[in-house]
Amino acid sequence: MSKLRGRSHTTLTETADLVVRELEKVAGIKMIAPGEIRTNKRSASGRFVTVSFTQAGFELLISGQSSQKVAIHTDKDSRLIIAELRNSKKLRDFIFKERVRKPGE
């Protein structure tokens, strides 16, 4: 089961909350750590998720009306977890992009 950093830090944007609820259903996730919420200056409509693969798992930059980073630490392959998120019915309206942020790649 995933745990939130600090045990009491549960503040998520509405858009990030949808993604985190789907992540909580996936096995192999050690920790979900929500980050700082920032307001968007642009007026682009839509919901976007940018996935940055890291050594410990991956980081999601989730943006809608505002943006928030959520770090995910995993035991299993991160690409399989992202594939499950893309296939989720509740996240059909999200546009997913991927990038790699690992040393040496």
C-alpha atoms as a PDB file:
ATOM      1  CA  MET A   1       0.000   0.000   0.000  1.00  0.00           C
ATOM      2  CA  SER A   2       1.226   3.468  -0.798  1.00  0.00           C
ATOM      3  CA  LYS A   3       1.805   6.043   1.894  1.00  0.00           C
ATOM      4  CA  LEU A   4       1.833   9.808   1.735  1.00  0.00           C
ATOM      5  CA  ARG A   5       4.999  11.609   2.827  1.00  0.00           C
ATOM      6  CA  GLY A   6       4.716  13.010   6.338  1.00  0.00           C
ATOM      7  CA  ARG A   7       1.478  11.083   6.962  1.00  0.00           C
ATOM      8  CA  SER A   8      -0.559  14.277   7.092  1.00  0.00           C
ATOM      9  CA  HIS A   9       0.378  15.915   3.765  1.00  0.00           C
ATOM     10  CA  THR A  10      -2.713  15.135   1.718  1.00  0.00           C
ATOM     11  CA  THR A  11      -3.193  18.336  -0.252  1.00  0.00           C
ATOM     12  CA  LEU A  12      -3.771  17.510  -3.904  1.00  0.00           C
ATOM     13  CA  THR A  13      -5.334  19.469  -6.722  1.00  0.00           C
ATOM     14  CA  GLU A  14      -8.583  18.067  -8.101  1.00  0.00           C
ATOM     15  CA  THR A  15      -6.774  16.876 -11.212  1.00  0.00           C
ATOM     16  CA  ALA A  16      -3.921  15.273  -9.249  1.00  0.00           C
ATOM     17  CA  ASP A  17      -6.407  13.622  -6.902  1.00  0.00           C
ATOM     18  CA  LEU A  18      -7.946  11.692  -9.818  1.00  0.00           C
ATOM     19  CA  VAL A  19      -4.540  10.367 -10.870  1.00  0.00           C
ATOM     20  CA  VAL A  20      -3.442   9.485  -7.315  1.00  0.00           C
ATOM     21  CA  ARG A  21      -6.668   7.554  -6.672  1.00  0.00           C
ATOM     22  CA  GLU A  22      -5.918   5.428  -9.730  1.00  0.00           C
ATOM     23  CA  LEU A  23      -2.310   4.950  -8.600  1.00  0.00           C
ATOM     24  CA  GLU A  24      -3.464   3.693  -5.196  1.00  0.00           C
ATOM     25  CA  LYS A  25      -5.157   0.759  -6.951  1.00  0.00           C
ATOM     26  CA  VAL A  26      -1.888  -0.387  -8.577  1.00  0.00           C
ATOM     27  CA  ALA A  27       0.328  -2.938  -6.824  1.00  0.00           C
ATOM     28  CA  GLY A  28       4.069  -2.328  -6.530  1.00  0.00           C
ATOM     29  CA  ILE A  29       3.979   1.310  -5.426  1.00  0.00           C
ATOM     30  CA  LYS A  30       6.009   2.018  -2.281  1.00  0.00           C
ATOM     31  CA  MET A  31       5.336   5.717  -1.786  1.00  0.00           C
ATOM     32  CA  ILE A  32       3.323   8.595  -3.237  1.00  0.00           C
ATOM     33  CA  ALA A  33       4.711  12.025  -2.356  1.00  0.00           C
ATOM     34  CA  PRO A  34       2.651  15.068  -3.427  1.00  0.00           C
ATOM     35  CA  GLY A  35       4.583  18.245  -4.137  1.00  0.00           C
ATOM     36  CA  GLU A  36       3.969  21.964  -4.291  1.00  0.00           C
ATOM     37  CA  ILE A  37       0.898  23.329  -6.101  1.00  0.00           C
ATOM     38  CA  ARG A  38       1.497  26.106  -8.645  1.00  0.00           C
ATOM     39  CA  THR A  39      -1.034  28.141 -10.558  1.00  0.00           C
ATOM     40  CA  ASN A  40      -0.784  28.092 -14.338  1.00  0.00           C
ATOM     41  CA  LYS A  41      -0.350  31.349 -16.178  1.00  0.00           C
ATOM     42  CA  ARG A  42      -1.408  29.950 -19.510  1.00  0.00           C
ATOM     43  CA  SER A  43      -5.029  29.421 -20.461  1.00  0.00           C
ATOM     44  CA  ALA A  44      -4.639  26.090 -22.265  1.00  0.00           C
ATOM     45  CA  SER A  45      -7.601  23.847 -21.731  1.00  0.00           C
ATOM     46  CA  GLY A  46      -7.187  20.171 -21.034  1.00  0.00           C
ATOM     47  CA  ARG A  47      -5.552  17.886 -18.542  1.00  0.00           C
ATOM     48  CA  PHE A  48      -1.945  16.892 -19.035  1.00  0.00           C
ATOM     49  CA  VAL A  49       0.339  14.383 -17.315  1.00  0.00           C
ATOM     50  CA  THR A  50       4.063  14.509 -18.014  1.00  0.00           C
ATOM     51  CA  VAL A  51       5.904  11.416 -16.773  1.00  0.00           C
ATOM     52  CA  SER A  52       9.599  11.761 -15.877  1.00  0.00           C
ATOM     53  CA  PHE A  53      11.270   8.419 -15.213  1.00  0.00           C
ATOM     54  CA  THR A  54      13.827   8.531 -12.357  1.00  0.00           C
ATOM     55  CA  GLN A  55      16.018   6.043 -10.487  1.00  0.00           C
ATOM     56  CA  ALA A  56      13.455   5.508  -7.707  1.00  0.00           C
ATOM     57  CA  GLY A  57      10.398   5.292  -9.968  1.00  0.00           C
ATOM     58  CA  PHE A  58       8.850   8.259 -11.725  1.00  0.00           C
ATOM     59  CA  GLU A  59       7.594  11.777 -11.206  1.00  0.00           C
ATOM     60  CA  LEU A  60       4.295  13.062 -12.552  1.00  0.00           C
ATOM     61  CA  LEU A  61       3.715  16.695 -13.482  1.00  0.00           C
ATOM     62  CA  ILE A  62      -0.065  16.913 -13.474  1.00  0.00           C
ATOM     63  CA  SER A  63      -1.615  20.071 -14.877  1.00  0.00           C
ATOM     64  CA  GLY A  64      -5.153  21.282 -15.332  1.00  0.00           C
ATOM     65  CA  GLN A  65      -6.194  24.652 -13.878  1.00  0.00           C
ATOM     66  CA  SER A  66      -3.050  24.464 -11.730  1.00  0.00           C
ATOM     67  CA  SER A  67      -0.040  22.146 -11.773  1.00  0.00           C
ATOM     68  CA  GLN A  68       1.450  19.809  -9.195  1.00  0.00           C
ATOM     69  CA  LYS A  69       4.363  17.380  -9.097  1.00  0.00           C
ATOM     70  CA  VAL A  70       3.798  13.971  -7.529  1.00  0.00           C
ATOM     71  CA  ALA A  71       6.766  11.641  -6.942  1.00  0.00           C
ATOM     72  CA  ILE A  72       6.107   7.892  -7.101  1.00  0.00           C
ATOM     73  CA  HIS A  73       8.540   5.285  -5.721  1.00  0.00           C
ATOM     74  CA  THR A  74       7.986   1.791  -7.117  1.00  0.00           C
ATOM     75  CA  ASP A  75       9.107  -1.820  -6.843  1.00  0.00           C
ATOM     76  CA  LYS A  76       7.983  -2.846 -10.316  1.00  0.00           C
ATOM     77  CA  ASP A  77       8.668  -1.472 -13.786  1.00  0.00           C
ATOM     78  CA  SER A  78       7.462   2.133 -14.062  1.00  0.00           C
ATOM     79  CA  ARG A  79       6.438   1.739 -17.700  1.00  0.00           C
ATOM     80  CA  LEU A  80       3.909  -0.968 -16.738  1.00  0.00           C
ATOM     81  CA  ILE A  81       2.335   1.349 -14.172  1.00  0.00           C
ATOM     82  CA  ILE A  82       2.072   4.176 -16.731  1.00  0.00           C
ATOM     83  CA  ALA A  83       0.455   1.742 -19.180  1.00  0.00           C
ATOM     84  CA  GLU A  84      -2.168   0.933 -16.532  1.00  0.00           C
ATOM     85  CA  LEU A  85      -2.830   4.650 -16.008  1.00  0.00           C
ATOM     86  CA  ARG A  86      -3.248   5.246 -19.745  1.00  0.00           C
ATOM     87  CA  ASN A  87      -5.767   2.393 -19.954  1.00  0.00           C
ATOM     88  CA  SER A  88      -7.808   3.635 -16.989  1.00  0.00           C
ATOM     89  CA  LYS A  89     -11.351   4.691 -17.872  1.00  0.00           C
ATOM     90  CA  LYS A  90     -11.284   7.580 -15.396  1.00  0.00           C
ATOM     91  CA  LEU A  91      -8.188   9.096 -17.035  1.00  0.00           C
ATOM     92  CA  ARG A  92      -9.400   9.016 -20.655  1.00  0.00           C
ATOM     93  CA  ASP A  93      -9.400  12.817 -20.940  1.00  0.00           C
ATOM     94  CA  PHE A  94      -5.754  13.128 -19.899  1.00  0.00           C
ATOM     95  CA  ILE A  95      -2.935  13.628 -22.408  1.00  0.00           C
ATOM     96  CA  PHE A  96       0.208  11.689 -21.386  1.00  0.00           C
ATOM     97  CA  LYS A  97       3.778  12.633 -22.336  1.00  0.00           C
ATOM     98  CA  GLU A  98       6.989  10.873 -21.272  1.00  0.00           C
ATOM     99  CA  ARG A  99      10.601  11.863 -20.695  1.00  0.00           C
ATOM    100  CA  VAL A 100      13.622  10.301 -18.969  1.00  0.00           C
ATOM    101  CA  ARG A 101      15.593  11.994 -16.166  1.00  0.00           C
ATOM    102  CA  LYS A 102      18.155   9.375 -15.178  1.00  0.00           C
ATOM    103  CA  PRO A 103      21.898   9.911 -14.897  1.00  0.00           C
ATOM    104  CA  GLY A 104      23.726   8.745 -18.013  1.00  0.00           C
ATOM    105  CA  GLU A 105      20.677   8.662 -20.306  1.00  0.00           C
END
